[in-house]
């Protein structure tokens, strides 16, 4: 399985609303519940109406389109990284999964995945 490096830095945020979110950005993940409005975005594009934010994330993408019938792809990656004391923040789209890793663990995560026979695409 191939995993692609995403070269931007990301932030995980809570926002007042989505009116200032750059929806034309290359990467923007939003999630809304009855309790909050969340945003994962490129750090340089954080909107001014942010309530809380956590900076210092790098991202990886599972390459290709993942069929909904596939089981355990993200959980296997999460387990491999967890076994090496690396936590992730996962985001799924219609096509695939992304997982964010704190910058200080990013290179360790890359090496760990390579050692588990994942192909990392620069």
PDB file of N, CA and C in Angstrom:
ATOM      1  N   UNK A   1       0.840  -1.179   0.000  1.00  0.00           N
ATOM      2  CA  UNK A   1       0.000   0.000   0.000  1.00  0.00           C
ATOM      3  C   UNK A   1       0.880   1.235   0.000  1.00  0.00           C
ATOM      4  N   UNK A   2       0.455   2.250  -0.740  1.00  0.00           N
ATOM      5  CA  UNK A   2       1.210   3.490  -0.844  1.00  0.00           C
ATOM      6  C   UNK A   2       0.606   4.580   0.027  1.00  0.00           C
ATOM      7  N   UNK A   3       1.500   5.320   0.662  1.00  0.00           N
ATOM      8  CA  UNK A   3       1.112   6.442   1.511  1.00  0.00           C
ATOM      9  C   UNK A   3       1.881   7.661   1.034  1.00  0.00           C
ATOM     10  N   UNK A   4       1.169   8.751   0.794  1.00  0.00           N
ATOM     11  CA  UNK A   4       1.793   9.970   0.255  1.00  0.00           C
ATOM     12  C   UNK A   4       1.987  11.012   1.341  1.00  0.00           C
ATOM     13  N   UNK A   5       3.168  11.612   1.338  1.00  0.00           N
ATOM     14  CA  UNK A   5       3.444  12.734   2.230  1.00  0.00           C
ATOM     15  C   UNK A   5       2.700  13.965   1.731  1.00  0.00           C
ATOM     16  N   UNK A   6       2.091  14.684   2.617  1.00  0.00           N
ATOM     17  CA  UNK A   6       1.488  15.979   2.313  1.00  0.00           C
ATOM     18  C   UNK A   6       2.430  17.017   2.921  1.00  0.00           C
ATOM     19  N   UNK A   7       2.899  17.966   2.145  1.00  0.00           N
ATOM     20  CA  UNK A   7       4.019  18.808   2.569  1.00  0.00           C
ATOM     21  C   UNK A   7       3.631  20.079   3.335  1.00  0.00           C
ATOM     22  N   UNK A   8       2.373  20.347   3.522  1.00  0.00           N
ATOM     23  CA  UNK A   8       1.973  21.504   4.308  1.00  0.00           C
ATOM     24  C   UNK A   8       1.956  21.154   5.804  1.00  0.00           C
ATOM     25  N   UNK A   9       1.942  22.208   6.629  1.00  0.00           N
ATOM     26  CA  UNK A   9       1.714  22.028   8.063  1.00  0.00           C
ATOM     27  C   UNK A   9       0.248  22.323   8.333  1.00  0.00           C
ATOM     28  N   UNK A  10      -0.327  21.568   9.261  1.00  0.00           N
ATOM     29  CA  UNK A  10      -1.752  21.666   9.551  1.00  0.00           C
ATOM     30  C   UNK A  10      -2.008  22.054  10.993  1.00  0.00           C
ATOM     31  N   UNK A  11      -3.219  22.560  11.217  1.00  0.00           N
ATOM     32  CA  UNK A  11      -3.713  22.862  12.557  1.00  0.00           C
ATOM     33  C   UNK A  11      -5.093  22.252  12.704  1.00  0.00           C
ATOM     34  N   UNK A  12      -5.378  21.821  13.915  1.00  0.00           N
ATOM     35  CA  UNK A  12      -6.696  21.294  14.268  1.00  0.00           C
ATOM     36  C   UNK A  12      -7.358  22.367  15.118  1.00  0.00           C
ATOM     37  N   UNK A  13      -8.547  22.808  14.699  1.00  0.00           N
ATOM     38  CA  UNK A  13      -9.178  23.977  15.318  1.00  0.00           C
ATOM     39  C   UNK A  13     -10.642  23.737  15.671  1.00  0.00           C
ATOM     40  N   UNK A  14     -11.112  24.557  16.606  1.00  0.00           N
ATOM     41  CA  UNK A  14     -12.547  24.774  16.790  1.00  0.00           C
ATOM     42  C   UNK A  14     -12.808  26.196  16.319  1.00  0.00           C
ATOM     43  N   UNK A  15     -13.900  26.384  15.594  1.00  0.00           N
ATOM     44  CA  UNK A  15     -14.237  27.708  15.074  1.00  0.00           C
ATOM     45  C   UNK A  15     -15.647  28.093  15.499  1.00  0.00           C
ATOM     46  N   UNK A  16     -15.885  29.396  15.511  1.00  0.00           N
ATOM     47  CA  UNK A  16     -17.226  29.897  15.836  1.00  0.00           C
ATOM     48  C   UNK A  16     -18.227  29.453  14.777  1.00  0.00           C
ATOM     49  N   UNK A  17     -17.832  29.593  13.523  1.00  0.00           N
ATOM     50  CA  UNK A  17     -18.654  29.164  12.388  1.00  0.00           C
ATOM     51  C   UNK A  17     -17.717  28.995  11.199  1.00  0.00           C
ATOM     52  N   UNK A  18     -18.261  28.601  10.074  1.00  0.00           N
ATOM     53  CA  UNK A  18     -17.429  28.327   8.900  1.00  0.00           C
ATOM     54  C   UNK A  18     -17.388  29.478   7.897  1.00  0.00           C
ATOM     55  N   UNK A  19     -17.899  30.631   8.274  1.00  0.00           N
ATOM     56  CA  UNK A  19     -17.997  31.744   7.333  1.00  0.00           C
ATOM     57  C   UNK A  19     -16.637  32.246   6.846  1.00  0.00           C
ATOM     58  N   UNK A  20     -15.577  32.055   7.623  1.00  0.00           N
ATOM     59  CA  UNK A  20     -14.255  32.560   7.235  1.00  0.00           C
ATOM     60  C   UNK A  20     -13.306  31.456   6.765  1.00  0.00           C
ATOM     61  N   UNK A  21     -13.805  30.235   6.661  1.00  0.00           N
ATOM     62  CA  UNK A  21     -12.976  29.118   6.215  1.00  0.00           C
ATOM     63  C   UNK A  21     -12.740  29.220   4.709  1.00  0.00           C
ATOM     64  N   UNK A  22     -11.509  29.029   4.281  1.00  0.00           N
ATOM     65  CA  UNK A  22     -11.167  29.062   2.872  1.00  0.00           C
ATOM     66  C   UNK A  22     -11.518  27.708   2.248  1.00  0.00           C
ATOM     67  N   UNK A  23     -12.711  27.597   1.727  1.00  0.00           N
ATOM     68  CA  UNK A  23     -13.156  26.345   1.127  1.00  0.00           C
ATOM     69  C   UNK A  23     -12.511  26.080  -0.231  1.00  0.00           C
ATOM     70  N   UNK A  24     -11.778  27.057  -0.766  1.00  0.00           N
ATOM     71  CA  UNK A  24     -11.033  26.856  -1.999  1.00  0.00           C
ATOM     72  C   UNK A  24      -9.611  26.375  -1.729  1.00  0.00           C
ATOM     73  N   UNK A  25      -9.275  26.180  -0.465  1.00  0.00           N
ATOM     74  CA  UNK A  25      -7.955  25.696  -0.097  1.00  0.00           C
ATOM     75  C   UNK A  25      -7.721  24.300  -0.663  1.00  0.00           C
ATOM     76  N   UNK A  26      -6.466  23.967  -0.837  1.00  0.00           N
ATOM     77  CA  UNK A  26      -6.117  22.625  -1.299  1.00  0.00           C
ATOM     78  C   UNK A  26      -6.569  21.569  -0.292  1.00  0.00           C
ATOM     79  N   UNK A  27      -6.490  21.899   1.006  1.00  0.00           N
ATOM     80  CA  UNK A  27      -6.910  20.989   2.074  1.00  0.00           C
ATOM     81  C   UNK A  27      -7.724  21.755   3.104  1.00  0.00           C
ATOM     82  N   UNK A  28      -8.905  21.252   3.365  1.00  0.00           N
ATOM     83  CA  UNK A  28      -9.770  21.822   4.391  1.00  0.00           C
ATOM     84  C   UNK A  28     -10.768  20.743   4.790  1.00  0.00           C
ATOM     85  N   UNK A  29     -10.735  20.351   6.050  1.00  0.00           N
ATOM     86  CA  UNK A  29     -11.629  19.314   6.553  1.00  0.00           C
ATOM     87  C   UNK A  29     -12.491  19.926   7.646  1.00  0.00           C
ATOM     88  N   UNK A  30     -13.802  19.844   7.489  1.00  0.00           N
ATOM     89  CA  UNK A  30     -14.687  20.401   8.506  1.00  0.00           C
ATOM     90  C   UNK A  30     -15.574  19.297   9.078  1.00  0.00           C
ATOM     91  N   UNK A  31     -15.911  19.463  10.334  1.00  0.00           N
ATOM     92  CA  UNK A  31     -16.805  18.529  11.004  1.00  0.00           C
ATOM     93  C   UNK A  31     -17.680  19.293  11.975  1.00  0.00           C
ATOM     94  N   UNK A  32     -18.966  18.996  11.957  1.00  0.00           N
ATOM     95  CA  UNK A  32     -19.912  19.726  12.793  1.00  0.00           C
ATOM     96  C   UNK A  32     -20.768  18.739  13.558  1.00  0.00           C
ATOM     97  N   UNK A  33     -20.923  18.988  14.848  1.00  0.00           N
ATOM     98  CA  UNK A  33     -21.827  18.189  15.680  1.00  0.00           C
ATOM     99  C   UNK A  33     -22.729  19.134  16.449  1.00  0.00           C
ATOM    100  N   UNK A  34     -23.554  18.575  17.313  1.00  0.00           N
ATOM    101  CA  UNK A  34     -24.403  19.413  18.146  1.00  0.00           C
ATOM    102  C   UNK A  34     -23.599  20.164  19.211  1.00  0.00           C
ATOM    103  N   UNK A  35     -22.317  19.806  19.378  1.00  0.00           N
ATOM    104  CA  UNK A  35     -21.495  20.422  20.411  1.00  0.00           C
ATOM    105  C   UNK A  35     -20.392  21.346  19.888  1.00  0.00           C
ATOM    106  N   UNK A  36     -20.012  21.187  18.631  1.00  0.00           N
ATOM    107  CA  UNK A  36     -18.875  21.985  18.159  1.00  0.00           C
ATOM    108  C   UNK A  36     -18.803  22.041  16.645  1.00  0.00           C
ATOM    109  N   UNK A  37     -17.951  22.949  16.194  1.00  0.00           N
ATOM    110  CA  UNK A  37     -17.591  23.067  14.779  1.00  0.00           C
ATOM    111  C   UNK A  37     -16.075  22.946  14.715  1.00  0.00           C
ATOM    112  N   UNK A  38     -15.615  21.899  14.037  1.00  0.00           N
ATOM    113  CA  UNK A  38     -14.180  21.642  13.944  1.00  0.00           C
ATOM    114  C   UNK A  38     -13.670  21.914  12.538  1.00  0.00           C
ATOM    115  N   UNK A  39     -12.388  22.185  12.473  1.00  0.00           N
ATOM    116  CA  UNK A  39     -11.721  22.468  11.212  1.00  0.00           C
ATOM    117  C   UNK A  39     -10.297  21.956  11.288  1.00  0.00           C
ATOM    118  N   UNK A  40      -9.873  21.249  10.260  1.00  0.00           N
ATOM    119  CA  UNK A  40      -8.466  20.925  10.065  1.00  0.00           C
ATOM    120  C   UNK A  40      -8.060  21.655   8.796  1.00  0.00           C
ATOM    121  N   UNK A  41      -7.050  22.499   8.913  1.00  0.00           N
ATOM    122  CA  UNK A  41      -6.660  23.304   7.753  1.00  0.00           C
ATOM    123  C   UNK A  41      -5.159  23.535   7.755  1.00  0.00           C
ATOM    124  N   UNK A  42      -4.675  24.030   6.632  1.00  0.00           N
ATOM    125  CA  UNK A  42      -3.280  24.435   6.530  1.00  0.00           C
ATOM    126  C   UNK A  42      -3.074  25.568   7.533  1.00  0.00           C
ATOM    127  N   UNK A  43      -2.006  25.487   8.300  1.00  0.00           N
ATOM    128  CA  UNK A  43      -1.784  26.432   9.397  1.00  0.00           C
ATOM    129  C   UNK A  43      -1.816  27.882   8.937  1.00  0.00           C
ATOM    130  N   UNK A  44      -1.284  28.162   7.778  1.00  0.00           N
ATOM    131  CA  UNK A  44      -1.257  29.549   7.295  1.00  0.00           C
ATOM    132  C   UNK A  44      -2.647  30.055   6.893  1.00  0.00           C
ATOM    133  N   UNK A  45      -3.651  29.175   6.887  1.00  0.00           N
ATOM    134  CA  UNK A  45      -5.003  29.563   6.475  1.00  0.00           C
ATOM    135  C   UNK A  45      -6.025  29.508   7.620  1.00  0.00           C
ATOM    136  N   UNK A  46      -5.559  29.541   8.852  1.00  0.00           N
ATOM    137  CA  UNK A  46      -6.487  29.507   9.985  1.00  0.00           C
ATOM    138  C   UNK A  46      -7.341  30.772   9.964  1.00  0.00           C
ATOM    139  N   UNK A  47      -8.671  30.626  10.048  1.00  0.00           N
ATOM    140  CA  UNK A  47      -9.532  31.809  10.034  1.00  0.00           C
ATOM    141  C   UNK A  47      -9.434  32.586  11.353  1.00  0.00           C
ATOM    142  N   UNK A  48      -9.808  33.841  11.297  1.00  0.00           N
ATOM    143  CA  UNK A  48      -9.687  34.702  12.482  1.00  0.00           C
ATOM    144  C   UNK A  48     -10.724  34.392  13.556  1.00  0.00           C
ATOM    145  N   UNK A  49     -11.764  33.619  13.229  1.00  0.00           N
ATOM    146  CA  UNK A  49     -12.792  33.324  14.228  1.00  0.00           C
ATOM    147  C   UNK A  49     -12.551  31.982  14.929  1.00  0.00           C
ATOM    148  N   UNK A  50     -11.288  31.613  15.034  1.00  0.00           N
ATOM    149  CA  UNK A  50     -10.926  30.372  15.715  1.00  0.00           C
ATOM    150  C   UNK A  50     -11.123  30.530  17.229  1.00  0.00           C
ATOM    151  N   UNK A  51     -11.648  29.510  17.868  1.00  0.00           N
ATOM    152  CA  UNK A  51     -11.846  29.499  19.322  1.00  0.00           C
ATOM    153  C   UNK A  51     -10.653  28.843  19.999  1.00  0.00           C
ATOM    154  N   UNK A  52     -10.256  27.680  19.492  1.00  0.00           N
ATOM    155  CA  UNK A  52      -9.102  26.948  19.987  1.00  0.00           C
ATOM    156  C   UNK A  52      -8.360  26.377  18.791  1.00  0.00           C
ATOM    157  N   UNK A  53      -7.050  26.147  18.978  1.00  0.00           N
ATOM    158  CA  UNK A  53      -6.285  25.553  17.888  1.00  0.00           C
ATOM    159  C   UNK A  53      -5.118  24.767  18.453  1.00  0.00           C
ATOM    160  N   UNK A  54      -4.734  23.747  17.710  1.00  0.00           N
ATOM    161  CA  UNK A  54      -3.565  22.962  18.049  1.00  0.00           C
ATOM    162  C   UNK A  54      -2.716  22.872  16.783  1.00  0.00           C
ATOM    163  N   UNK A  55      -1.567  23.514  16.798  1.00  0.00           N
ATOM    164  CA  UNK A  55      -0.690  23.578  15.636  1.00  0.00           C
ATOM    165  C   UNK A  55       0.338  22.449  15.664  1.00  0.00           C
ATOM    166  N   UNK A  56       1.098  22.353  14.584  1.00  0.00           N
ATOM    167  CA  UNK A  56       2.231  21.442  14.559  1.00  0.00           C
ATOM    168  C   UNK A  56       1.927  20.045  14.057  1.00  0.00           C
ATOM    169  N   UNK A  57       1.013  19.932  13.101  1.00  0.00           N
ATOM    170  CA  UNK A  57       0.645  18.637  12.537  1.00  0.00           C
ATOM    171  C   UNK A  57       1.154  18.523  11.104  1.00  0.00           C
ATOM    172  N   UNK A  58       1.575  17.322  10.723  1.00  0.00           N
ATOM    173  CA  UNK A  58       1.924  16.973   9.345  1.00  0.00           C
ATOM    174  C   UNK A  58       0.958  15.865   8.923  1.00  0.00           C
ATOM    175  N   UNK A  59       0.756  15.710   7.624  1.00  0.00           N
ATOM    176  CA  UNK A  59      -0.259  14.757   7.160  1.00  0.00           C
ATOM    177  C   UNK A  59       0.310  13.743   6.176  1.00  0.00           C
ATOM    178  N   UNK A  60      -0.338  12.590   6.177  1.00  0.00           N
ATOM    179  CA  UNK A  60      -0.084  11.530   5.213  1.00  0.00           C
ATOM    180  C   UNK A  60      -1.427  11.093   4.643  1.00  0.00           C
ATOM    181  N   UNK A  61      -1.414  10.666   3.372  1.00  0.00           N
ATOM    182  CA  UNK A  61      -2.649  10.227   2.711  1.00  0.00           C
ATOM    183  C   UNK A  61      -2.470   8.808   2.204  1.00  0.00           C
ATOM    184  N   UNK A  62      -3.457   7.970   2.435  1.00  0.00           N
ATOM    185  CA  UNK A  62      -3.462   6.650   1.833  1.00  0.00           C
ATOM    186  C   UNK A  62      -3.818   6.854   0.368  1.00  0.00           C
ATOM    187  N   UNK A  63      -2.926   6.412  -0.519  1.00  0.00           N
ATOM    188  CA  UNK A  63      -3.097   6.654  -1.948  1.00  0.00           C
ATOM    189  C   UNK A  63      -4.206   5.788  -2.546  1.00  0.00           C
ATOM    190  N   UNK A  64      -4.865   6.351  -3.529  1.00  0.00           N
ATOM    191  CA  UNK A  64      -5.900   5.636  -4.259  1.00  0.00           C
ATOM    192  C   UNK A  64      -7.265   5.827  -3.638  1.00  0.00           C
ATOM    193  N   UNK A  65      -8.254   5.277  -4.313  1.00  0.00           N
ATOM    194  CA  UNK A  65      -9.631   5.333  -3.832  1.00  0.00           C
ATOM    195  C   UNK A  65      -9.893   4.046  -3.061  1.00  0.00           C
ATOM    196  N   UNK A  66     -10.312   4.202  -1.821  1.00  0.00           N
ATOM    197  CA  UNK A  66     -10.598   3.050  -0.965  1.00  0.00           C
ATOM    198  C   UNK A  66     -12.074   2.706  -1.050  1.00  0.00           C
ATOM    199  N   UNK A  67     -12.352   1.485  -1.418  1.00  0.00           N
ATOM    200  CA  UNK A  67     -13.745   1.024  -1.469  1.00  0.00           C
ATOM    201  C   UNK A  67     -14.309   0.958  -0.055  1.00  0.00           C
ATOM    202  N   UNK A  68     -15.571   1.261   0.106  1.00  0.00           N
ATOM    203  CA  UNK A  68     -16.200   1.229   1.424  1.00  0.00           C
ATOM    204  C   UNK A  68     -16.214  -0.174   2.020  1.00  0.00           C
ATOM    205  N   UNK A  69     -16.113  -1.192   1.193  1.00  0.00           N
ATOM    206  CA  UNK A  69     -16.135  -2.564   1.690  1.00  0.00           C
ATOM    207  C   UNK A  69     -14.804  -3.000   2.308  1.00  0.00           C
ATOM    208  N   UNK A  70     -13.741  -2.219   2.092  1.00  0.00           N
ATOM    209  CA  UNK A  70     -12.445  -2.565   2.662  1.00  0.00           C
ATOM    210  C   UNK A  70     -12.478  -2.389   4.172  1.00  0.00           C
ATOM    211  N   UNK A  71     -11.838  -3.297   4.864  1.00  0.00           N
ATOM    212  CA  UNK A  71     -11.901  -3.302   6.326  1.00  0.00           C
ATOM    213  C   UNK A  71     -10.495  -3.214   6.908  1.00  0.00           C
ATOM    214  N   UNK A  72     -10.326  -2.345   7.892  1.00  0.00           N
ATOM    215  CA  UNK A  72      -9.127  -2.353   8.709  1.00  0.00           C
ATOM    216  C   UNK A  72      -7.910  -1.628   8.182  1.00  0.00           C
ATOM    217  N   UNK A  73      -8.021  -0.907   7.094  1.00  0.00           N
ATOM    218  CA  UNK A  73      -6.836  -0.248   6.531  1.00  0.00           C
ATOM    219  C   UNK A  73      -6.293   0.802   7.498  1.00  0.00           C
ATOM    220  N   UNK A  74      -7.141   1.719   7.914  1.00  0.00           N
ATOM    221  CA  UNK A  74      -6.698   2.770   8.825  1.00  0.00           C
ATOM    222  C   UNK A  74      -6.366   2.199  10.205  1.00  0.00           C
ATOM    223  N   UNK A  75      -7.144   1.231  10.653  1.00  0.00           N
ATOM    224  CA  UNK A  75      -6.883   0.668  11.986  1.00  0.00           C
ATOM    225  C   UNK A  75      -5.540  -0.057  12.034  1.00  0.00           C
ATOM    226  N   UNK A  76      -5.137  -0.698  10.943  1.00  0.00           N
ATOM    227  CA  UNK A  76      -3.836  -1.368  10.901  1.00  0.00           C
ATOM    228  C   UNK A  76      -2.708  -0.343  10.998  1.00  0.00           C
ATOM    229  N   UNK A  77      -2.834   0.742  10.239  1.00  0.00           N
ATOM    230  CA  UNK A  77      -1.825   1.802  10.293  1.00  0.00           C
ATOM    231  C   UNK A  77      -1.783   2.410  11.691  1.00  0.00           C
ATOM    232  N   UNK A  78      -2.944   2.691  12.258  1.00  0.00           N
ATOM    233  CA  UNK A  78      -3.008   3.272  13.605  1.00  0.00           C
ATOM    234  C   UNK A  78      -2.365   2.348  14.627  1.00  0.00           C
ATOM    235  N   UNK A  79      -2.591   1.043  14.500  1.00  0.00           N
ATOM    236  CA  UNK A  79      -2.019   0.075  15.442  1.00  0.00           C
ATOM    237  C   UNK A  79      -0.494   0.025  15.318  1.00  0.00           C
ATOM    238  N   UNK A  80       0.007   0.015  14.088  1.00  0.00           N
ATOM    239  CA  UNK A  80       1.463   0.000  13.876  1.00  0.00           C
ATOM    240  C   UNK A  80       2.095   1.227  14.525  1.00  0.00           C
ATOM    241  N   UNK A  81       1.487   2.386  14.309  1.00  0.00           N
ATOM    242  CA  UNK A  81       2.033   3.613  14.883  1.00  0.00           C
ATOM    243  C   UNK A  81       1.862   3.635  16.401  1.00  0.00           C
ATOM    244  N   UNK A  82       0.728   3.181  16.897  1.00  0.00           N
ATOM    245  CA  UNK A  82       0.496   3.144  18.352  1.00  0.00           C
ATOM    246  C   UNK A  82       1.504   2.242  19.047  1.00  0.00           C
ATOM    247  N   UNK A  83       1.837   1.122  18.412  1.00  0.00           N
ATOM    248  CA  UNK A  83       2.831   0.216  18.977  1.00  0.00           C
ATOM    249  C   UNK A  83       4.200   0.874  19.098  1.00  0.00           C
ATOM    250  N   UNK A  84       4.387   1.977  18.375  1.00  0.00           N
ATOM    251  CA  UNK A  84       5.634   2.741  18.425  1.00  0.00           C
ATOM    252  C   UNK A  84       5.448   4.097  19.106  1.00  0.00           C
ATOM    253  N   UNK A  85       4.393   4.195  19.909  1.00  0.00           N
ATOM    254  CA  UNK A  85       4.093   5.407  20.694  1.00  0.00           C
ATOM    255  C   UNK A  85       3.900   6.653  19.845  1.00  0.00           C
ATOM    256  N   UNK A  86       3.255   6.471  18.691  1.00  0.00           N
ATOM    257  CA  UNK A  86       2.952   7.588  17.800  1.00  0.00           C
ATOM    258  C   UNK A  86       1.435   7.667  17.670  1.00  0.00           C
ATOM    259  N   UNK A  87       0.861   8.774  18.121  1.00  0.00           N
ATOM    260  CA  UNK A  87      -0.589   8.943  17.998  1.00  0.00           C
ATOM    261  C   UNK A  87      -0.923   9.640  16.684  1.00  0.00           C
ATOM    262  N   UNK A  88      -2.163   9.446  16.241  1.00  0.00           N
ATOM    263  CA  UNK A  88      -2.614  10.066  14.992  1.00  0.00           C
ATOM    264  C   UNK A  88      -3.940  10.778  15.224  1.00  0.00           C
ATOM    265  N   UNK A  89      -4.239  11.680  14.322  1.00  0.00           N
ATOM    266  CA  UNK A  89      -5.547  12.323  14.209  1.00  0.00           C
ATOM    267  C   UNK A  89      -6.028  11.983  12.805  1.00  0.00           C
ATOM    268  N   UNK A  90      -7.053  11.167  12.688  1.00  0.00           N
ATOM    269  CA  UNK A  90      -7.501  10.678  11.384  1.00  0.00           C
ATOM    270  C   UNK A  90      -8.639  11.520  10.826  1.00  0.00           C
ATOM    271  N   UNK A  91      -8.629  11.686   9.515  1.00  0.00           N
ATOM    272  CA  UNK A  91      -9.687  12.379   8.785  1.00  0.00           C
ATOM    273  C   UNK A  91     -10.000  11.542   7.549  1.00  0.00           C
ATOM    274  N   UNK A  92     -11.250  11.256   7.347  1.00  0.00           N
ATOM    275  CA  UNK A  92     -11.644  10.473   6.181  1.00  0.00           C
ATOM    276  C   UNK A  92     -12.429  11.326   5.210  1.00  0.00           C
ATOM    277  N   UNK A  93     -12.221  11.051   3.927  1.00  0.00           N
ATOM    278  CA  UNK A  93     -12.994  11.684   2.868  1.00  0.00           C
ATOM    279  C   UNK A  93     -13.741  10.582   2.121  1.00  0.00           C
ATOM    280  N   UNK A  94     -14.479  10.950   1.126  1.00  0.00           N
ATOM    281  CA  UNK A  94     -15.206   9.953   0.342  1.00  0.00           C
ATOM    282  C   UNK A  94     -14.237   8.959  -0.291  1.00  0.00           C
ATOM    283  N   UNK A  95     -13.108   9.449  -0.795  1.00  0.00           N
ATOM    284  CA  UNK A  95     -12.160   8.593  -1.512  1.00  0.00           C
ATOM    285  C   UNK A  95     -11.176   7.833  -0.635  1.00  0.00           C
ATOM    286  N   UNK A  96     -10.685   8.474   0.418  1.00  0.00           N
ATOM    287  CA  UNK A  96      -9.565   7.867   1.146  1.00  0.00           C
ATOM    288  C   UNK A  96      -9.477   8.397   2.570  1.00  0.00           C
ATOM    289  N   UNK A  97      -8.396   8.027   3.234  1.00  0.00           N
ATOM    290  CA  UNK A  97      -8.148   8.462   4.609  1.00  0.00           C
ATOM    291  C   UNK A  97      -6.855   9.257   4.666  1.00  0.00           C
ATOM    292  N   UNK A  98      -6.872  10.248   5.533  1.00  0.00           N
ATOM    293  CA  UNK A  98      -5.691  11.034   5.848  1.00  0.00           C
ATOM    294  C   UNK A  98      -5.420  10.825   7.328  1.00  0.00           C
ATOM    295  N   UNK A  99      -4.158  10.868   7.701  1.00  0.00           N
ATOM    296  CA  UNK A  99      -3.870  10.856   9.130  1.00  0.00           C
ATOM    297  C   UNK A  99      -2.777  11.864   9.414  1.00  0.00           C
ATOM    298  N   UNK A 100      -3.010  12.600  10.484  1.00  0.00           N
ATOM    299  CA  UNK A 100      -2.106  13.659  10.886  1.00  0.00           C
ATOM    300  C   UNK A 100      -1.281  13.170  12.067  1.00  0.00           C
ATOM    301  N   UNK A 101      -0.034  13.596  12.077  1.00  0.00           N
ATOM    302  CA  UNK A 101       0.924  13.209  13.090  1.00  0.00           C
ATOM    303  C   UNK A 101       1.629  14.480  13.548  1.00  0.00           C
ATOM    304  N   UNK A 102       1.862  14.601  14.829  1.00  0.00           N
ATOM    305  CA  UNK A 102       2.595  15.764  15.326  1.00  0.00           C
ATOM    306  C   UNK A 102       3.983  15.803  14.671  1.00  0.00           C
ATOM    307  N   UNK A 103       4.445  17.019  14.376  1.00  0.00           N
ATOM    308  CA  UNK A 103       5.713  17.205  13.660  1.00  0.00           C
ATOM    309  C   UNK A 103       6.871  16.449  14.300  1.00  0.00           C
ATOM    310  N   UNK A 104       6.917  16.443  15.628  1.00  0.00           N
ATOM    311  CA  UNK A 104       8.052  15.816  16.304  1.00  0.00           C
ATOM    312  C   UNK A 104       8.079  14.291  16.137  1.00  0.00           C
ATOM    313  N   UNK A 105       6.965  13.693  15.713  1.00  0.00           N
ATOM    314  CA  UNK A 105       6.900  12.247  15.493  1.00  0.00           C
ATOM    315  C   UNK A 105       6.827  11.862  14.017  1.00  0.00           C
ATOM    316  N   UNK A 106       6.837  12.848  13.130  1.00  0.00           N
ATOM    317  CA  UNK A 106       6.585  12.604  11.717  1.00  0.00           C
ATOM    318  C   UNK A 106       7.632  11.695  11.079  1.00  0.00           C
ATOM    319  N   UNK A 107       8.904  12.000  11.243  1.00  0.00           N
ATOM    320  CA  UNK A 107       9.959  11.186  10.630  1.00  0.00           C
ATOM    321  C   UNK A 107       9.973   9.781  11.229  1.00  0.00           C
ATOM    322  N   UNK A 108       9.745   9.675  12.521  1.00  0.00           N
ATOM    323  CA  UNK A 108       9.662   8.358  13.162  1.00  0.00           C
ATOM    324  C   UNK A 108       8.497   7.564  12.576  1.00  0.00           C
ATOM    325  N   UNK A 109       7.383   8.228  12.328  1.00  0.00           N
ATOM    326  CA  UNK A 109       6.218   7.560  11.734  1.00  0.00           C
ATOM    327  C   UNK A 109       6.532   7.067  10.327  1.00  0.00           C
ATOM    328  N   UNK A 110       7.207   7.886   9.547  1.00  0.00           N
ATOM    329  CA  UNK A 110       7.588   7.499   8.184  1.00  0.00           C
ATOM    330  C   UNK A 110       8.444   6.235   8.222  1.00  0.00           C
ATOM    331  N   UNK A 111       9.472   6.234   9.058  1.00  0.00           N
ATOM    332  CA  UNK A 111      10.366   5.083   9.160  1.00  0.00           C
ATOM    333  C   UNK A 111       9.624   3.839   9.654  1.00  0.00           C
ATOM    334  N   UNK A 112       8.734   4.033  10.614  1.00  0.00           N
ATOM    335  CA  UNK A 112       7.953   2.918  11.149  1.00  0.00           C
ATOM    336  C   UNK A 112       7.085   2.295  10.068  1.00  0.00           C
ATOM    337  N   UNK A 113       6.426   3.129   9.272  1.00  0.00           N
ATOM    338  CA  UNK A 113       5.574   2.613   8.190  1.00  0.00           C
ATOM    339  C   UNK A 113       6.406   1.943   7.098  1.00  0.00           C
ATOM    340  N   UNK A 114       7.549   2.523   6.774  1.00  0.00           N
ATOM    341  CA  UNK A 114       8.430   1.884   5.789  1.00  0.00           C
ATOM    342  C   UNK A 114       8.889   0.509   6.274  1.00  0.00           C
ATOM    343  N   UNK A 115       9.212   0.414   7.554  1.00  0.00           N
ATOM    344  CA  UNK A 115       9.634  -0.868   8.130  1.00  0.00           C
ATOM    345  C   UNK A 115       8.504  -1.894   8.131  1.00  0.00           C
ATOM    346  N   UNK A 116       7.261  -1.410   8.060  1.00  0.00           N
ATOM    347  CA  UNK A 116       6.093  -2.302   7.998  1.00  0.00           C
ATOM    348  C   UNK A 116       5.672  -2.550   6.547  1.00  0.00           C
ATOM    349  N   UNK A 117       6.550  -2.245   5.612  1.00  0.00           N
ATOM    350  CA  UNK A 117       6.357  -2.503   4.177  1.00  0.00           C
ATOM    351  C   UNK A 117       5.332  -1.605   3.487  1.00  0.00           C
ATOM    352  N   UNK A 118       5.098  -0.406   4.031  1.00  0.00           N
ATOM    353  CA  UNK A 118       4.322   0.587   3.316  1.00  0.00           C
ATOM    354  C   UNK A 118       5.277   1.391   2.450  1.00  0.00           C
ATOM    355  N   UNK A 119       4.842   1.725   1.232  1.00  0.00           N
ATOM    356  CA  UNK A 119       5.650   2.554   0.346  1.00  0.00           C
ATOM    357  C   UNK A 119       5.279   4.011   0.593  1.00  0.00           C
ATOM    358  N   UNK A 120       6.262   4.813   0.950  1.00  0.00           N
ATOM    359  CA  UNK A 120       6.029   6.228   1.209  1.00  0.00           C
ATOM    360  C   UNK A 120       6.400   7.008  -0.046  1.00  0.00           C
ATOM    361  N   UNK A 121       5.453   7.775  -0.553  1.00  0.00           N
ATOM    362  CA  UNK A 121       5.644   8.602  -1.742  1.00  0.00           C
ATOM    363  C   UNK A 121       5.965  10.023  -1.292  1.00  0.00           C
ATOM    364  N   UNK A 122       7.108  10.561  -1.744  1.00  0.00           N
ATOM    365  CA  UNK A 122       7.482  11.922  -1.301  1.00  0.00           C
ATOM    366  C   UNK A 122       6.500  12.984  -1.740  1.00  0.00           C
TER     367      UNK A 122
END
